[in-house]
Amino acid sequence: MNKKFIRGFTLLEVLLALMIFTLISLTVYQSIMVTSKGSVIVNKKLKQMNRLQRVFDILEQDISHAIIYSDPQDNNILNSGVKIGKSLLESDDFGILFLCDISTNTNYYSRSQTLGYRLRNNSLEKLSYGINKKQPKISKVIDGVTAFHIQVYHKNRWLKEWNESAYLPEGVELVISLENIGVVRKVFILLNYTI
């Protein structure tokens, strides 16, 4: 009888192959996990940036439409246009109060509303004043705000306070410090500014 030698893998070769495949699988798994976590972090930051962009869009829309309203019958200015200052509106930092033109079609009907922004308890708040000027409607704009600074640009100077009732400043700079993002700065040009 002829004996054939049957050759196969030894136990050592099988264990070595198993270890190599295990290491490759763990490496692929770790790569997928790192990519997944990175994607989650990027999406979270993207949502924060989109939210912050919406906040600045709201601020720009409101502040850039600040007006000084006067009654054509007696030519007296009824509102100060823009007020800016430290602790204005009981803010923890700076506050801004202004009369805003909220009309959609200025040719036929003009509507205005007094609006304000302030920092309270690490939240930027919007104050909307209706007929009852003592009780504003308060809505949170964004949380996690550590500082809210405002200054206005007028006649080639930056001013930290503004309480002029005869005219509007040329521009407004907002600086918002956020917990997770850092400092964000934006300058708005007032659309109703006249020299």
Protein backbone atom coordinates (compact mmCIF):
# COMPACT_ATOMS: atom_id res chain seq x y z
CA MET A 1 0.00 0.00 0.00
CA ASN A 2 1.12 3.30 -0.94
CA LYS A 3 0.81 6.00 1.66
CA LYS A 4 0.14 9.47 0.39
CA PHE A 5 1.28 12.34 2.43
CA ILE A 6 -1.59 14.72 2.93
CA ARG A 7 -0.29 18.15 3.45
CA GLY A 8 -2.36 20.82 5.22
CA PHE A 9 -1.86 23.81 7.42
CA THR A 10 -0.27 23.31 10.74
CA LEU A 11 -1.85 24.67 13.87
CA LEU A 12 0.81 27.37 14.07
CA GLU A 13 0.06 28.56 10.51
CA VAL A 14 -3.69 28.69 11.21
CA LEU A 15 -3.16 30.70 14.40
CA LEU A 16 -0.81 33.10 12.63
CA ALA A 17 -3.33 33.67 9.79
CA LEU A 18 -6.10 34.17 12.34
CA MET A 19 -4.01 36.79 14.18
CA ILE A 20 -3.22 38.65 10.96
CA PHE A 21 -6.89 38.76 9.92
CA THR A 22 -7.86 39.89 13.43
CA LEU A 23 -5.33 42.74 13.34
CA ILE A 24 -6.52 43.80 9.89
CA SER A 25 -10.15 43.72 11.08
CA LEU A 26 -9.32 45.78 14.19
CA THR A 27 -7.44 48.33 12.08
CA VAL A 28 -10.37 48.67 9.67
CA TYR A 29 -12.81 48.94 12.61
CA GLN A 30 -10.70 51.67 14.25
CA SER A 31 -10.50 53.56 10.95
CA ILE A 32 -14.26 53.43 10.55
CA MET A 33 -14.81 54.57 14.15
CA VAL A 34 -12.39 57.50 13.80
CA THR A 35 -14.04 58.54 10.53
CA SER A 36 -17.49 58.22 12.09
CA LYS A 37 -16.54 60.28 15.16
CA GLY A 38 -14.87 62.87 12.95
CA SER A 39 -17.98 63.08 10.81
CA VAL A 40 -20.17 63.58 13.89
CA ILE A 41 -17.88 66.35 15.18
CA VAL A 42 -17.77 68.06 11.78
CA ASN A 43 -21.58 67.90 11.49
CA LYS A 44 -21.96 69.31 15.00
CA LYS A 45 -19.61 72.21 14.23
CA LEU A 46 -21.39 72.79 10.92
CA LYS A 47 -24.73 73.03 12.73
CA GLN A 48 -23.20 75.49 15.21
CA MET A 49 -21.80 77.61 12.38
CA ASN A 50 -25.14 77.56 10.50
CA ARG A 51 -26.96 78.58 13.68
CA LEU A 52 -24.44 81.36 14.30
CA GLN A 53 -24.86 82.54 10.70
CA ARG A 54 -28.65 82.67 11.21
CA VAL A 55 -28.14 84.71 14.39
CA PHE A 56 -25.95 87.23 12.57
CA ASP A 57 -28.44 87.34 9.68
CA ILE A 58 -31.20 88.25 12.17
CA LEU A 59 -29.01 90.86 13.84
CA GLU A 60 -27.96 92.35 10.51
CA GLN A 61 -31.54 92.42 9.21
CA ASP A 62 -32.76 94.25 12.31
CA ILE A 63 -29.86 96.61 13.00
CA SER A 64 -29.22 97.63 9.41
CA HIS A 65 -32.84 98.83 9.15
CA ALA A 66 -32.64 101.17 12.15
CA ILE A 67 -34.44 104.46 11.58
CA ILE A 68 -35.14 107.78 13.22
CA TYR A 69 -38.86 108.41 13.10
CA SER A 70 -40.23 111.90 13.02
CA ASP A 71 -43.78 113.14 12.81
CA PRO A 72 -44.20 115.18 9.62
CA GLN A 73 -46.76 117.47 11.30
CA ASP A 74 -44.54 118.80 14.08
CA ASN A 75 -41.07 117.82 12.83
CA ASN A 76 -39.99 116.49 16.22
CA ILE A 77 -37.99 113.33 16.48
CA LEU A 78 -40.04 110.88 18.50
CA ASN A 79 -37.43 108.18 18.98
CA SER A 80 -33.71 108.22 19.49
CA GLY A 81 -33.00 105.86 16.60
CA VAL A 82 -30.21 103.83 18.24
CA LYS A 83 -29.02 103.59 21.85
CA ILE A 84 -25.92 101.60 22.68
CA GLY A 85 -24.21 101.26 26.02
CA LYS A 86 -22.87 99.09 28.79
CA SER A 87 -25.66 97.54 30.91
CA LEU A 88 -28.34 99.02 28.65
CA LEU A 89 -31.64 97.08 28.95
CA GLU A 90 -30.28 95.50 32.17
CA SER A 91 -27.73 93.60 30.09
CA ASP A 92 -24.89 91.67 31.70
CA ASP A 93 -22.64 93.31 29.10
CA PHE A 94 -23.55 95.76 26.32
CA GLY A 95 -27.07 96.34 25.06
CA ILE A 96 -28.59 97.94 22.00
CA LEU A 97 -32.03 99.53 21.58
CA PHE A 98 -33.28 100.91 18.28
CA LEU A 99 -36.30 101.72 16.18
CA CYS A 100 -36.47 99.36 13.22
CA ASP A 101 -38.34 99.73 9.94
CA ILE A 102 -40.16 96.41 9.58
CA SER A 103 -42.35 97.29 6.61
CA THR A 104 -42.14 95.11 3.54
CA ASN A 105 -43.12 97.77 1.04
CA THR A 106 -41.97 101.26 1.96
CA ASN A 107 -43.84 102.95 -0.91
CA TYR A 108 -47.28 102.56 0.65
CA TYR A 109 -47.15 101.84 4.34
CA SER A 110 -44.35 102.22 6.84
CA ARG A 111 -44.29 100.25 10.07
CA SER A 112 -41.71 100.49 12.78
CA GLN A 113 -40.99 98.57 15.94
CA THR A 114 -38.64 99.17 18.84
CA LEU A 115 -36.20 96.28 19.21
CA GLY A 116 -33.36 95.57 21.59
CA TYR A 117 -30.65 93.00 22.18
CA ARG A 118 -28.93 92.18 25.44
CA LEU A 119 -26.88 89.50 27.18
CA ARG A 120 -28.58 87.85 30.15
CA ASN A 121 -27.39 84.67 31.90
CA ASN A 122 -25.12 83.61 29.00
CA SER A 123 -27.95 84.02 26.48
CA LEU A 124 -28.33 86.67 23.82
CA GLU A 125 -31.92 87.90 24.04
CA LYS A 126 -34.05 89.88 21.61
CA LEU A 127 -36.54 92.32 23.11
CA SER A 128 -39.51 93.33 20.95
CA TYR A 129 -41.53 96.27 22.22
CA GLY A 130 -45.14 96.55 21.17
CA ILE A 131 -47.63 99.19 22.17
CA ASN A 132 -46.79 98.68 25.85
CA LYS A 133 -43.19 99.87 25.84
CA LYS A 134 -42.59 98.77 29.44
CA GLN A 135 -43.14 95.05 28.85
CA PRO A 136 -41.15 93.71 25.90
CA LYS A 137 -41.56 90.28 24.40
CA ILE A 138 -38.28 88.50 25.20
CA SER A 139 -36.95 85.67 23.05
CA LYS A 140 -33.64 83.84 23.28
CA VAL A 141 -31.52 84.18 20.18
CA ILE A 142 -28.55 81.98 21.13
CA ASP A 143 -27.18 80.33 24.28
CA GLY A 144 -23.57 79.95 25.37
CA VAL A 145 -22.64 83.62 24.94
CA THR A 146 -19.91 84.76 27.33
CA ALA A 147 -19.54 88.36 26.09
CA PHE A 148 -21.52 90.78 23.91
CA HIS A 149 -19.76 93.99 22.87
CA ILE A 150 -21.10 96.70 20.62
CA GLN A 151 -19.55 99.83 19.19
CA VAL A 152 -20.66 102.26 16.51
CA TYR A 153 -18.72 103.93 13.74
CA HIS A 154 -19.37 107.60 13.14
CA LYS A 155 -17.20 110.32 11.57
CA ASN A 156 -14.09 108.11 11.35
CA ARG A 157 -14.26 107.02 15.01
CA TRP A 158 -15.41 103.92 16.86
CA LEU A 159 -17.58 104.79 19.89
CA LYS A 160 -18.60 102.45 22.71
CA GLU A 161 -21.67 104.52 23.64
CA TRP A 162 -24.32 106.07 21.40
CA ASN A 163 -27.34 108.07 22.47
CA GLU A 164 -27.67 110.56 19.62
CA SER A 165 -31.24 111.34 18.62
CA ALA A 166 -30.63 113.52 15.56
CA TYR A 167 -28.86 111.00 13.32
CA LEU A 168 -27.80 107.39 13.01
CA PRO A 169 -24.24 106.08 13.13
CA GLU A 170 -22.64 104.92 9.89
CA GLY A 171 -22.09 101.36 11.08
CA VAL A 172 -22.33 99.01 14.03
CA GLU A 173 -19.78 96.40 15.09
CA LEU A 174 -20.93 93.41 17.12
CA VAL A 175 -18.46 91.15 18.92
CA ILE A 176 -19.92 87.97 20.39
CA SER A 177 -17.82 85.55 22.44
CA LEU A 178 -19.21 82.02 22.46
CA GLU A 179 -18.20 79.15 24.75
CA ASN A 180 -17.44 76.51 22.11
CA ILE A 181 -16.56 78.69 19.13
CA GLY A 182 -14.66 81.71 20.37
CA VAL A 183 -14.93 85.35 19.35
CA VAL A 184 -17.00 86.29 16.30
CA ARG A 185 -16.97 89.85 14.98
CA LYS A 186 -19.30 91.40 12.40
CA VAL A 187 -19.73 94.96 11.12
CA PHE A 188 -23.08 96.17 9.76
CA ILE A 189 -23.71 99.25 7.68
CA LEU A 190 -26.93 101.03 8.56
CA LEU A 191 -29.06 101.31 5.43
CA ASN A 192 -30.90 104.43 6.58
CA TYR A 193 -27.77 106.37 7.50
CA THR A 194 -27.70 109.90 6.12
CA ILE A 195 -24.86 112.38 6.28
